[in-house]
Amino acid sequence: MTSHDMRRAKDRRGGRSLAPVLLAALVASAPAWADAASGAAACTGCHGPAALGSAIPSLDGHAADEIVTQMHAFRSGERKATVMDRIARGFTEEETRAIAEWLAKPEAARHAQP
């Protein structure tokens, strides 16, 4: 076993790692998402501004009621999907409403610091 392999094994057993650095970076970025409904920040990974021009629709500019209606359609199977039907079933009615209301805010308002 080389010294490099030994260091890697030590890191896996609880030696020095990058975990504290990564955790600090996540905590430092938390204020931007502090008011996000649980689960909402993950939606923007596929449905945010980067989605414009792709097969995945951006949710920017959509009203909360429209988002809730679409989530209900995915949940019931009325609207066919590759993964959204399963994702929609993972949220309660209250969570769906909270996510939709957060997503319906303009992007600048979602990331505004208090």
PDB file of N, CA and C in Angstrom:
ATOM      1  N   MET A   1       0.860  -1.173   0.000  1.00  0.00           N
ATOM      2  CA  MET A   1       0.000   0.000   0.000  1.00  0.00           C
ATOM      3  C   MET A   1       0.904   1.234   0.000  1.00  0.00           C
ATOM      4  N   THR A   2       0.625   2.148  -0.910  1.00  0.00           N
ATOM      5  CA  THR A   2       1.437   3.362  -0.989  1.00  0.00           C
ATOM      6  C   THR A   2       0.983   4.352   0.072  1.00  0.00           C
ATOM      7  N   SER A   3       1.796   5.386   0.270  1.00  0.00           N
ATOM      8  CA  SER A   3       1.410   6.409   1.259  1.00  0.00           C
ATOM      9  C   SER A   3       0.137   7.125   0.813  1.00  0.00           C
ATOM     10  N   HIS A   4      -0.046   7.283  -0.499  1.00  0.00           N
ATOM     11  CA  HIS A   4      -1.265   7.905  -1.012  1.00  0.00           C
ATOM     12  C   HIS A   4      -2.489   7.055  -0.658  1.00  0.00           C
ATOM     13  N   ASP A   5      -2.364   5.730  -0.854  1.00  0.00           N
ATOM     14  CA  ASP A   5      -3.459   4.827  -0.507  1.00  0.00           C
ATOM     15  C   ASP A   5      -3.761   4.863   0.983  1.00  0.00           C
ATOM     16  N   MET A   6      -2.719   4.966   1.790  1.00  0.00           N
ATOM     17  CA  MET A   6      -2.906   5.022   3.249  1.00  0.00           C
ATOM     18  C   MET A   6      -3.630   6.302   3.635  1.00  0.00           C
ATOM     19  N   ARG A   7      -3.282   7.418   2.991  1.00  0.00           N
ATOM     20  CA  ARG A   7      -3.979   8.681   3.290  1.00  0.00           C
ATOM     21  C   ARG A   7      -5.443   8.583   2.900  1.00  0.00           C
ATOM     22  N   ARG A   8      -5.716   7.977   1.733  1.00  0.00           N
ATOM     23  CA  ARG A   8      -7.104   7.830   1.296  1.00  0.00           C
ATOM     24  C   ARG A   8      -7.881   6.956   2.272  1.00  0.00           C
ATOM     25  N   ALA A   9      -7.278   5.871   2.735  1.00  0.00           N
ATOM     26  CA  ALA A   9      -7.939   4.999   3.701  1.00  0.00           C
ATOM     27  C   ALA A   9      -8.186   5.740   5.002  1.00  0.00           C
ATOM     28  N   LYS A  10      -7.207   6.533   5.445  1.00  0.00           N
ATOM     29  CA  LYS A  10      -7.360   7.309   6.673  1.00  0.00           C
ATOM     30  C   LYS A  10      -8.506   8.307   6.523  1.00  0.00           C
ATOM     31  N   ASP A  11      -8.602   8.967   5.362  1.00  0.00           N
ATOM     32  CA  ASP A  11      -9.683   9.923   5.130  1.00  0.00           C
ATOM     33  C   ASP A  11     -11.042   9.238   5.222  1.00  0.00           C
ATOM     34  N   ARG A  12     -11.151   8.027   4.703  1.00  0.00           N
ATOM     35  CA  ARG A  12     -12.423   7.310   4.769  1.00  0.00           C
ATOM     36  C   ARG A  12     -12.754   6.886   6.191  1.00  0.00           C
ATOM     37  N   ARG A  13     -11.750   6.719   7.033  1.00  0.00           N
ATOM     38  CA  ARG A  13     -11.978   6.281   8.407  1.00  0.00           C
ATOM     39  C   ARG A  13     -12.188   7.456   9.353  1.00  0.00           C
ATOM     40  N   GLY A  14     -12.202   8.669   8.838  1.00  0.00           N
ATOM     41  CA  GLY A  14     -12.446   9.794   9.728  1.00  0.00           C
ATOM     42  C   GLY A  14     -11.261  10.704   9.890  1.00  0.00           C
ATOM     43  N   GLY A  15     -10.218  10.504   9.102  1.00  0.00           N
ATOM     44  CA  GLY A  15      -9.078  11.417   9.137  1.00  0.00           C
ATOM     45  C   GLY A  15      -9.469  12.743   8.515  1.00  0.00           C
ATOM     46  N   ARG A  16      -8.473  13.498   8.120  1.00  0.00           N
ATOM     47  CA  ARG A  16      -8.751  14.787   7.493  1.00  0.00           C
ATOM     48  C   ARG A  16      -9.596  14.596   6.252  1.00  0.00           C
ATOM     49  N   SER A  17     -10.519  15.499   6.049  1.00  0.00           N
ATOM     50  CA  SER A  17     -11.348  15.437   4.852  1.00  0.00           C
ATOM     51  C   SER A  17     -11.784  16.841   4.468  1.00  0.00           C
ATOM     52  N   LEU A  18     -12.438  16.920   3.354  1.00  0.00           N
ATOM     53  CA  LEU A  18     -12.951  18.202   2.880  1.00  0.00           C
ATOM     54  C   LEU A  18     -14.354  18.489   3.403  1.00  0.00           C
ATOM     55  N   ALA A  19     -14.940  17.572   4.139  1.00  0.00           N
ATOM     56  CA  ALA A  19     -16.311  17.753   4.613  1.00  0.00           C
ATOM     57  C   ALA A  19     -16.517  19.072   5.355  1.00  0.00           C
ATOM     58  N   PRO A  20     -15.642  19.448   6.304  1.00  0.00           N
ATOM     59  CA  PRO A  20     -15.863  20.728   6.997  1.00  0.00           C
ATOM     60  C   PRO A  20     -15.817  21.925   6.051  1.00  0.00           C
ATOM     61  N   VAL A  21     -14.948  21.862   5.054  1.00  0.00           N
ATOM     62  CA  VAL A  21     -14.847  22.955   4.089  1.00  0.00           C
ATOM     63  C   VAL A  21     -16.112  23.027   3.249  1.00  0.00           C
ATOM     64  N   LEU A  22     -16.597  21.870   2.781  1.00  0.00           N
ATOM     65  CA  LEU A  22     -17.818  21.846   1.980  1.00  0.00           C
ATOM     66  C   LEU A  22     -19.023  22.294   2.797  1.00  0.00           C
ATOM     67  N   LEU A  23     -19.096  21.862   4.040  1.00  0.00           N
ATOM     68  CA  LEU A  23     -20.192  22.273   4.908  1.00  0.00           C
ATOM     69  C   LEU A  23     -20.174  23.778   5.123  1.00  0.00           C
ATOM     70  N   ALA A  24     -19.003  24.343   5.351  1.00  0.00           N
ATOM     71  CA  ALA A  24     -18.885  25.788   5.538  1.00  0.00           C
ATOM     72  C   ALA A  24     -19.339  26.535   4.291  1.00  0.00           C
ATOM     73  N   ALA A  25     -19.007  26.009   3.121  1.00  0.00           N
ATOM     74  CA  ALA A  25     -19.427  26.651   1.876  1.00  0.00           C
ATOM     75  C   ALA A  25     -20.939  26.614   1.723  1.00  0.00           C
ATOM     76  N   LEU A  26     -21.552  25.490   2.099  1.00  0.00           N
ATOM     77  CA  LEU A  26     -23.007  25.394   2.024  1.00  0.00           C
ATOM     78  C   LEU A  26     -23.686  26.348   2.992  1.00  0.00           C
ATOM     79  N   VAL A  27     -23.168  26.423   4.197  1.00  0.00           N
ATOM     80  CA  VAL A  27     -23.738  27.315   5.205  1.00  0.00           C
ATOM     81  C   VAL A  27     -23.601  28.760   4.755  1.00  0.00           C
ATOM     82  N   ALA A  28     -22.465  29.104   4.153  1.00  0.00           N
ATOM     83  CA  ALA A  28     -22.246  30.471   3.692  1.00  0.00           C
ATOM     84  C   ALA A  28     -23.231  30.851   2.593  1.00  0.00           C
ATOM     85  N   SER A  29     -23.663  29.879   1.792  1.00  0.00           N
ATOM     86  CA  SER A  29     -24.599  30.183   0.716  1.00  0.00           C
ATOM     87  C   SER A  29     -26.047  30.075   1.169  1.00  0.00           C
ATOM     88  N   ALA A  30     -26.298  29.647   2.373  1.00  0.00           N
ATOM     89  CA  ALA A  30     -27.662  29.413   2.860  1.00  0.00           C
ATOM     90  C   ALA A  30     -28.575  30.627   2.823  1.00  0.00           C
ATOM     91  N   PRO A  31     -28.113  31.852   3.125  1.00  0.00           N
ATOM     92  CA  PRO A  31     -29.050  32.970   3.123  1.00  0.00           C
ATOM     93  C   PRO A  31     -29.800  33.155   1.818  1.00  0.00           C
ATOM     94  N   ALA A  32     -29.195  32.820   0.692  1.00  0.00           N
ATOM     95  CA  ALA A  32     -29.877  32.974  -0.586  1.00  0.00           C
ATOM     96  C   ALA A  32     -31.109  32.081  -0.666  1.00  0.00           C
ATOM     97  N   TRP A  33     -31.113  30.978   0.043  1.00  0.00           N
ATOM     98  CA  TRP A  33     -32.229  30.040  -0.002  1.00  0.00           C
ATOM     99  C   TRP A  33     -32.959  29.962   1.340  1.00  0.00           C
ATOM    100  N   ALA A  34     -32.654  30.860   2.246  1.00  0.00           N
ATOM    101  CA  ALA A  34     -33.179  30.775   3.609  1.00  0.00           C
ATOM    102  C   ALA A  34     -34.693  30.746   3.657  1.00  0.00           C
ATOM    103  N   ASP A  35     -35.353  31.472   2.768  1.00  0.00           N
ATOM    104  CA  ASP A  35     -36.814  31.516   2.830  1.00  0.00           C
ATOM    105  C   ASP A  35     -37.472  30.507   1.895  1.00  0.00           C
ATOM    106  N   ALA A  36     -36.678  29.654   1.244  1.00  0.00           N
ATOM    107  CA  ALA A  36     -37.240  28.675   0.307  1.00  0.00           C
ATOM    108  C   ALA A  36     -38.040  27.625   1.053  1.00  0.00           C
ATOM    109  N   ALA A  37     -39.191  27.271   0.480  1.00  0.00           N
ATOM    110  CA  ALA A  37     -39.982  26.176   1.034  1.00  0.00           C
ATOM    111  C   ALA A  37     -39.178  24.898   0.892  1.00  0.00           C
ATOM    112  N   SER A  38     -39.356  23.988   1.825  1.00  0.00           N
ATOM    113  CA  SER A  38     -38.629  22.724   1.780  1.00  0.00           C
ATOM    114  C   SER A  38     -38.871  22.040   0.437  1.00  0.00           C
ATOM    115  N   GLY A  39     -37.796  21.734  -0.267  1.00  0.00           N
ATOM    116  CA  GLY A  39     -37.903  21.078  -1.566  1.00  0.00           C
ATOM    117  C   GLY A  39     -37.885  22.029  -2.747  1.00  0.00           C
ATOM    118  N   ALA A  40     -38.155  23.305  -2.515  1.00  0.00           N
ATOM    119  CA  ALA A  40     -38.289  24.259  -3.619  1.00  0.00           C
ATOM    120  C   ALA A  40     -36.976  24.556  -4.323  1.00  0.00           C
ATOM    121  N   ALA A  41     -35.904  24.661  -3.589  1.00  0.00           N
ATOM    122  CA  ALA A  41     -34.620  24.992  -4.208  1.00  0.00           C
ATOM    123  C   ALA A  41     -34.213  23.925  -5.217  1.00  0.00           C
ATOM    124  N   ALA A  42     -34.557  22.680  -4.963  1.00  0.00           N
ATOM    125  CA  ALA A  42     -34.217  21.606  -5.893  1.00  0.00           C
ATOM    126  C   ALA A  42     -34.949  21.765  -7.225  1.00  0.00           C
ATOM    127  N   CYS A  43     -36.126  22.345  -7.210  1.00  0.00           N
ATOM    128  CA  CYS A  43     -36.904  22.524  -8.445  1.00  0.00           C
ATOM    129  C   CYS A  43     -36.181  23.429  -9.432  1.00  0.00           C
ATOM    130  N   THR A  44     -35.480  24.427  -8.912  1.00  0.00           N
ATOM    131  CA  THR A  44     -34.836  25.395  -9.788  1.00  0.00           C
ATOM    132  C   THR A  44     -33.655  24.797 -10.534  1.00  0.00           C
ATOM    133  N   GLY A  45     -33.151  23.661 -10.082  1.00  0.00           N
ATOM    134  CA  GLY A  45     -32.070  23.006 -10.798  1.00  0.00           C
ATOM    135  C   GLY A  45     -32.483  22.624 -12.209  1.00  0.00           C
ATOM    136  N   CYS A  46     -33.708  22.190 -12.390  1.00  0.00           N
ATOM    137  CA  CYS A  46     -34.216  21.822 -13.723  1.00  0.00           C
ATOM    138  C   CYS A  46     -35.131  22.886 -14.310  1.00  0.00           C
ATOM    139  N   HIS A  47     -35.884  23.572 -13.459  1.00  0.00           N
ATOM    140  CA  HIS A  47     -36.930  24.476 -13.940  1.00  0.00           C
ATOM    141  C   HIS A  47     -36.613  25.957 -13.767  1.00  0.00           C
ATOM    142  N   GLY A  48     -35.366  26.275 -13.463  1.00  0.00           N
ATOM    143  CA  GLY A  48     -34.974  27.670 -13.294  1.00  0.00           C
ATOM    144  C   GLY A  48     -34.704  28.356 -14.619  1.00  0.00           C
ATOM    145  N   PRO A  49     -34.087  29.525 -14.576  1.00  0.00           N
ATOM    146  CA  PRO A  49     -33.815  30.294 -15.793  1.00  0.00           C
ATOM    147  C   PRO A  49     -32.982  29.523 -16.817  1.00  0.00           C
ATOM    148  N   ALA A  50     -32.122  28.615 -16.362  1.00  0.00           N
ATOM    149  CA  ALA A  50     -31.297  27.836 -17.289  1.00  0.00           C
ATOM    150  C   ALA A  50     -32.149  26.917 -18.163  1.00  0.00           C
ATOM    151  N   ALA A  51     -33.390  26.663 -17.759  1.00  0.00           N
ATOM    152  CA  ALA A  51     -34.268  25.781 -18.524  1.00  0.00           C
ATOM    153  C   ALA A  51     -34.787  26.449 -19.794  1.00  0.00           C
ATOM    154  N   LEU A  52     -34.717  27.764 -19.851  1.00  0.00           N
ATOM    155  CA  LEU A  52     -35.222  28.465 -21.030  1.00  0.00           C
ATOM    156  C   LEU A  52     -34.546  27.925 -22.284  1.00  0.00           C
ATOM    157  N   GLY A  53     -35.358  27.579 -23.256  1.00  0.00           N
ATOM    158  CA  GLY A  53     -34.827  27.045 -24.501  1.00  0.00           C
ATOM    159  C   GLY A  53     -34.593  25.545 -24.472  1.00  0.00           C
ATOM    160  N   SER A  54     -34.869  24.891 -23.364  1.00  0.00           N
ATOM    161  CA  SER A  54     -34.691  23.440 -23.293  1.00  0.00           C
ATOM    162  C   SER A  54     -36.057  22.763 -23.305  1.00  0.00           C
ATOM    163  N   ALA A  55     -36.045  21.445 -23.323  1.00  0.00           N
ATOM    164  CA  ALA A  55     -37.301  20.680 -23.294  1.00  0.00           C
ATOM    165  C   ALA A  55     -37.978  20.774 -21.930  1.00  0.00           C
ATOM    166  N   ILE A  56     -37.225  21.138 -20.902  1.00  0.00           N
ATOM    167  CA  ILE A  56     -37.774  21.270 -19.549  1.00  0.00           C
ATOM    168  C   ILE A  56     -38.237  22.717 -19.381  1.00  0.00           C
ATOM    169  N   PRO A  57     -39.498  22.928 -19.042  1.00  0.00           N
ATOM    170  CA  PRO A  57     -39.991  24.307 -18.943  1.00  0.00           C
ATOM    171  C   PRO A  57     -39.465  25.045 -17.716  1.00  0.00           C
ATOM    172  N   SER A  58     -39.171  26.310 -17.908  1.00  0.00           N
ATOM    173  CA  SER A  58     -38.835  27.176 -16.780  1.00  0.00           C
ATOM    174  C   SER A  58     -40.127  27.485 -16.044  1.00  0.00           C
ATOM    175  N   LEU A  59     -40.056  27.620 -14.742  1.00  0.00           N
ATOM    176  CA  LEU A  59     -41.247  27.977 -13.959  1.00  0.00           C
ATOM    177  C   LEU A  59     -41.299  29.470 -13.678  1.00  0.00           C
ATOM    178  N   ASP A  60     -40.299  30.208 -14.128  1.00  0.00           N
ATOM    179  CA  ASP A  60     -40.303  31.656 -13.937  1.00  0.00           C
ATOM    180  C   ASP A  60     -41.533  32.256 -14.607  1.00  0.00           C
ATOM    181  N   GLY A  61     -42.214  33.097 -13.861  1.00  0.00           N
ATOM    182  CA  GLY A  61     -43.391  33.770 -14.394  1.00  0.00           C
ATOM    183  C   GLY A  61     -44.684  32.988 -14.270  1.00  0.00           C
ATOM    184  N   HIS A  62     -44.631  31.785 -13.742  1.00  0.00           N
ATOM    185  CA  HIS A  62     -45.852  30.992 -13.567  1.00  0.00           C
ATOM    186  C   HIS A  62     -46.492  31.321 -12.216  1.00  0.00           C
ATOM    187  N   ALA A  63     -47.799  31.392 -12.211  1.00  0.00           N
ATOM    188  CA  ALA A  63     -48.541  31.675 -10.979  1.00  0.00           C
ATOM    189  C   ALA A  63     -48.544  30.437 -10.080  1.00  0.00           C
ATOM    190  N   ALA A  64     -48.622  30.669  -8.781  1.00  0.00           N
ATOM    191  CA  ALA A  64     -48.630  29.564  -7.814  1.00  0.00           C
ATOM    192  C   ALA A  64     -49.769  28.594  -8.094  1.00  0.00           C
ATOM    193  N   ASP A  65     -50.968  29.105  -8.387  1.00  0.00           N
ATOM    194  CA  ASP A  65     -52.111  28.218  -8.651  1.00  0.00           C
ATOM    195  C   ASP A  65     -51.862  27.329  -9.866  1.00  0.00           C
ATOM    196  N   GLU A  66     -51.189  27.865 -10.872  1.00  0.00           N
ATOM    197  CA  GLU A  66     -50.865  27.079 -12.062  1.00  0.00           C
ATOM    198  C   GLU A  66     -49.883  25.960 -11.717  1.00  0.00           C
ATOM    199  N   ILE A  67     -48.895  26.260 -10.901  1.00  0.00           N
ATOM    200  CA  ILE A  67     -47.916  25.252 -10.495  1.00  0.00           C
ATOM    201  C   ILE A  67     -48.597  24.159  -9.677  1.00  0.00           C
ATOM    202  N   VAL A  68     -49.464  24.554  -8.752  1.00  0.00           N
ATOM    203  CA  VAL A  68     -50.192  23.576  -7.932  1.00  0.00           C
ATOM    204  C   VAL A  68     -51.054  22.680  -8.825  1.00  0.00           C
ATOM    205  N   THR A  69     -51.744  23.267  -9.780  1.00  0.00           N
ATOM    206  CA  THR A  69     -52.596  22.493 -10.692  1.00  0.00           C
ATOM    207  C   THR A  69     -51.779  21.470 -11.464  1.00  0.00           C
ATOM    208  N   GLN A  70     -50.621  21.875 -11.951  1.00  0.00           N
ATOM    209  CA  GLN A  70     -49.770  20.943 -12.695  1.00  0.00           C
ATOM    210  C   GLN A  70     -49.233  19.839 -11.789  1.00  0.00           C
ATOM    211  N   MET A  71     -48.871  20.190 -10.560  1.00  0.00           N
ATOM    212  CA  MET A  71     -48.396  19.168  -9.620  1.00  0.00           C
ATOM    213  C   MET A  71     -49.509  18.159  -9.323  1.00  0.00           C
ATOM    214  N   HIS A  72     -50.753  18.625  -9.192  1.00  0.00           N
ATOM    215  CA  HIS A  72     -51.885  17.710  -8.981  1.00  0.00           C
ATOM    216  C   HIS A  72     -52.043  16.788 -10.185  1.00  0.00           C
ATOM    217  N   ALA A  73     -51.902  17.355 -11.402  1.00  0.00           N
ATOM    218  CA  ALA A  73     -52.040  16.543 -12.619  1.00  0.00           C
ATOM    219  C   ALA A  73     -50.938  15.486 -12.690  1.00  0.00           C
ATOM    220  N   PHE A  74     -49.731  15.845 -12.302  1.00  0.00           N
ATOM    221  CA  PHE A  74     -48.647  14.845 -12.265  1.00  0.00           C
ATOM    222  C   PHE A  74     -48.953  13.781 -11.215  1.00  0.00           C
ATOM    223  N   ARG A  75     -49.387  14.231 -10.034  1.00  0.00           N
ATOM    224  CA  ARG A  75     -49.640  13.307  -8.920  1.00  0.00           C
ATOM    225  C   ARG A  75     -50.730  12.296  -9.276  1.00  0.00           C
ATOM    226  N   SER A  76     -51.777  12.753  -9.955  1.00  0.00           N
ATOM    227  CA  SER A  76     -52.906  11.878 -10.286  1.00  0.00           C
ATOM    228  C   SER A  76     -52.646  11.006 -11.508  1.00  0.00           C
ATOM    229  N   GLY A  77     -51.618  11.342 -12.288  1.00  0.00           N
ATOM    230  CA  GLY A  77     -51.348  10.599 -13.521  1.00  0.00           C
ATOM    231  C   GLY A  77     -52.054  11.207 -14.719  1.00  0.00           C
ATOM    232  N   GLU A  78     -52.833  12.262 -14.491  1.00  0.00           N
ATOM    233  CA  GLU A  78     -53.524  12.943 -15.591  1.00  0.00           C
ATOM    234  C   GLU A  78     -52.513  13.511 -16.591  1.00  0.00           C
ATOM    235  N   ARG A  79     -51.405  14.013 -16.077  1.00  0.00           N
ATOM    236  CA  ARG A  79     -50.336  14.527 -16.932  1.00  0.00           C
ATOM    237  C   ARG A  79     -49.193  13.525 -16.889  1.00  0.00           C
ATOM    238  N   LYS A  80     -48.830  13.007 -18.047  1.00  0.00           N
ATOM    239  CA  LYS A  80     -47.766  12.008 -18.148  1.00  0.00           C
ATOM    240  C   LYS A  80     -46.408  12.679 -17.987  1.00  0.00           C
ATOM    241  N   ALA A  81     -45.475  11.937 -17.406  1.00  0.00           N
ATOM    242  CA  ALA A  81     -44.153  12.488 -17.152  1.00  0.00           C
ATOM    243  C   ALA A  81     -43.132  11.372 -17.037  1.00  0.00           C
ATOM    244  N   THR A  82     -41.868  11.775 -17.134  1.00  0.00           N
ATOM    245  CA  THR A  82     -40.808  10.791 -16.926  1.00  0.00           C
ATOM    246  C   THR A  82     -40.484  10.652 -15.447  1.00  0.00           C
ATOM    247  N   VAL A  83     -40.392  11.770 -14.719  1.00  0.00           N
ATOM    248  CA  VAL A  83     -40.091  11.713 -13.288  1.00  0.00           C
ATOM    249  C   VAL A  83     -41.004  12.591 -12.440  1.00  0.00           C
ATOM    250  N   MET A  84     -41.645  13.585 -13.040  1.00  0.00           N
ATOM    251  CA  MET A  84     -42.426  14.526 -12.230  1.00  0.00           C
ATOM    252  C   MET A  84     -43.600  13.863 -11.521  1.00  0.00           C
ATOM    253  N   ASP A  85     -44.154  12.805 -12.070  1.00  0.00           N
ATOM    254  CA  ASP A  85     -45.248  12.118 -11.380  1.00  0.00           C
ATOM    255  C   ASP A  85     -44.775  11.571 -10.034  1.00  0.00           C
ATOM    256  N   ARG A  86     -43.576  11.012 -10.005  1.00  0.00           N
ATOM    257  CA  ARG A  86     -43.036  10.481  -8.744  1.00  0.00           C
ATOM    258  C   ARG A  86     -42.621  11.611  -7.805  1.00  0.00           C
ATOM    259  N   ILE A  87     -42.042  12.655  -8.352  1.00  0.00           N
ATOM    260  CA  ILE A  87     -41.645  13.793  -7.520  1.00  0.00           C
ATOM    261  C   ILE A  87     -42.880  14.427  -6.888  1.00  0.00           C
ATOM    262  N   ALA A  88     -43.933  14.627  -7.663  1.00  0.00           N
ATOM    263  CA  ALA A  88     -45.157  15.260  -7.160  1.00  0.00           C
ATOM    264  C   ALA A  88     -45.791  14.458  -6.032  1.00  0.00           C
ATOM    265  N   ARG A  89     -45.730  13.148  -6.128  1.00  0.00           N
ATOM    266  CA  ARG A  89     -46.311  12.302  -5.065  1.00  0.00           C
ATOM    267  C   ARG A  89     -45.508  12.374  -3.777  1.00  0.00           C
ATOM    268  N   GLY A  90     -44.298  12.898  -3.836  1.00  0.00           N
ATOM    269  CA  GLY A  90     -43.454  12.995  -2.647  1.00  0.00           C
ATOM    270  C   GLY A  90     -43.760  14.189  -1.762  1.00  0.00           C
ATOM    271  N   PHE A  91     -44.660  15.070  -2.202  1.00  0.00           N
ATOM    272  CA  PHE A  91     -44.980  16.267  -1.433  1.00  0.00           C
ATOM    273  C   PHE A  91     -46.438  16.259  -0.980  1.00  0.00           C
ATOM    274  N   THR A  92     -46.665  16.753   0.234  1.00  0.00           N
ATOM    275  CA  THR A  92     -48.033  16.908   0.733  1.00  0.00           C
ATOM    276  C   THR A  92     -48.669  18.109   0.039  1.00  0.00           C
ATOM    277  N   GLU A  93     -49.959  18.275   0.226  1.00  0.00           N
ATOM    278  CA  GLU A  93     -50.662  19.435  -0.332  1.00  0.00           C
ATOM    279  C   GLU A  93     -50.059  20.741   0.188  1.00  0.00           C
ATOM    280  N   GLU A  94     -49.755  20.773   1.485  1.00  0.00           N
ATOM    281  CA  GLU A  94     -49.188  21.983   2.089  1.00  0.00           C
ATOM    282  C   GLU A  94     -47.803  22.280   1.525  1.00  0.00           C
ATOM    283  N   GLU A  95     -46.986  21.240   1.375  1.00  0.00           N
ATOM    284  CA  GLU A  95     -45.646  21.420   0.814  1.00  0.00           C
ATOM    285  C   GLU A  95     -45.732  21.885  -0.639  1.00  0.00           C
ATOM    286  N   THR A  96     -46.643  21.293  -1.397  1.00  0.00           N
ATOM    287  CA  THR A  96     -46.825  21.682  -2.799  1.00  0.00           C
ATOM    288  C   THR A  96     -47.209  23.147  -2.894  1.00  0.00           C
ATOM    289  N   ARG A  97     -48.139  23.595  -2.062  1.00  0.00           N
ATOM    290  CA  ARG A  97     -48.573  24.990  -2.073  1.00  0.00           C
ATOM    291  C   ARG A  97     -47.411  25.907  -1.695  1.00  0.00           C
ATOM    292  N   ALA A  98     -46.661  25.556  -0.659  1.00  0.00           N
ATOM    293  CA  ALA A  98     -45.539  26.393  -0.223  1.00  0.00           C
ATOM    294  C   ALA A  98     -44.467  26.483  -1.310  1.00  0.00           C
ATOM    295  N   ILE A  99     -44.171  25.373  -1.946  1.00  0.00           N
ATOM    296  CA  ILE A  99     -43.192  25.369  -3.039  1.00  0.00           C
ATOM    297  C   ILE A  99     -43.687  26.244  -4.180  1.00  0.00           C
ATOM    298  N   ALA A 100     -44.945  26.083  -4.558  1.00  0.00           N
ATOM    299  CA  ALA A 100     -45.511  26.853  -5.670  1.00  0.00           C
ATOM    300  C   ALA A 100     -45.485  28.348  -5.380  1.00  0.00           C
ATOM    301  N   GLU A 101     -45.818  28.717  -4.168  1.00  0.00           N
ATOM    302  CA  GLU A 101     -45.811  30.151  -3.823  1.00  0.00           C
ATOM    303  C   GLU A 101     -44.397  30.716  -3.858  1.00  0.00           C
ATOM    304  N   TRP A 102     -43.415  29.933  -3.415  1.00  0.00           N
ATOM    305  CA  TRP A 102     -42.033  30.400  -3.465  1.00  0.00           C
ATOM    306  C   TRP A 102     -41.556  30.514  -4.911  1.00  0.00           C
ATOM    307  N   LEU A 103     -41.873  29.492  -5.723  1.00  0.00           N
ATOM    308  CA  LEU A 103     -41.451  29.511  -7.121  1.00  0.00           C
ATOM    309  C   LEU A 103     -42.133  30.623  -7.915  1.00  0.00           C
ATOM    310  N   ALA A 104     -43.323  31.017  -7.518  1.00  0.00           N
ATOM    311  CA  ALA A 104     -44.064  32.059  -8.238  1.00  0.00           C
ATOM    312  C   ALA A 104     -43.483  33.449  -8.012  1.00  0.00           C
ATOM    313  N   LYS A 105     -42.657  33.592  -6.986  1.00  0.00           N
ATOM    314  CA  LYS A 105     -42.013  34.886  -6.762  1.00  0.00           C
ATOM    315  C   LYS A 105     -41.020  35.146  -7.890  1.00  0.00           C
ATOM    316  N   PRO A 106     -40.821  36.404  -8.268  1.00  0.00           N
ATOM    317  CA  PRO A 106     -39.759  36.689  -9.241  1.00  0.00           C
ATOM    318  C   PRO A 106     -38.421  36.204  -8.689  1.00  0.00           C
ATOM    319  N   GLU A 107     -37.536  35.757  -9.580  1.00  0.00           N
ATOM    320  CA  GLU A 107     -36.270  35.183  -9.131  1.00  0.00           C
ATOM    321  C   GLU A 107     -35.495  36.131  -8.216  1.00  0.00           C
ATOM    322  N   ALA A 108     -35.475  37.397  -8.544  1.00  0.00           N
ATOM    323  CA  ALA A 108     -34.736  38.368  -7.705  1.00  0.00           C
ATOM    324  C   ALA A 108     -35.311  38.409  -6.295  1.00  0.00           C
ATOM    325  N   ALA A 109     -36.626  38.285  -6.159  1.00  0.00           N
ATOM    326  CA  ALA A 109     -37.259  38.298  -4.843  1.00  0.00           C
ATOM    327  C   ALA A 109     -36.967  37.017  -4.086  1.00  0.00           C
ATOM    328  N   ARG A 110     -36.818  35.900  -4.795  1.00  0.00           N
ATOM    329  CA  ARG A 110     -36.505  34.624  -4.124  1.00  0.00           C
ATOM    330  C   ARG A 110     -35.134  34.661  -3.478  1.00  0.00           C
ATOM    331  N   HIS A 111     -34.218  35.442  -4.038  1.00  0.00           N
ATOM    332  CA  HIS A 111     -32.851  35.454  -3.555  1.00  0.00           C
ATOM    333  C   HIS A 111     -32.489  36.739  -2.797  1.00  0.00           C
ATOM    334  N   ALA A 112     -33.463  37.591  -2.590  1.00  0.00           N
ATOM    335  CA  ALA A 112     -33.188  38.846  -1.885  1.00  0.00           C
ATOM    336  C   ALA A 112     -32.832  38.563  -0.447  1.00  0.00           C
ATOM    337  N   GLN A 113     -31.859  39.296   0.051  1.00  0.00           N
ATOM    338  CA  GLN A 113     -31.469  39.176   1.458  1.00  0.00           C
ATOM    339  C   GLN A 113     -32.452  39.985   2.303  1.00  0.00           C
ATOM    340  N   PRO A 114     -32.820  39.457   3.475  1.00  0.00           N
ATOM    341  CA  PRO A 114     -33.759  40.202   4.336  1.00  0.00           C
ATOM    342  C   PRO A 114     -33.147  41.473   4.869  1.00  0.00           C
TER     343      PRO A 114
END
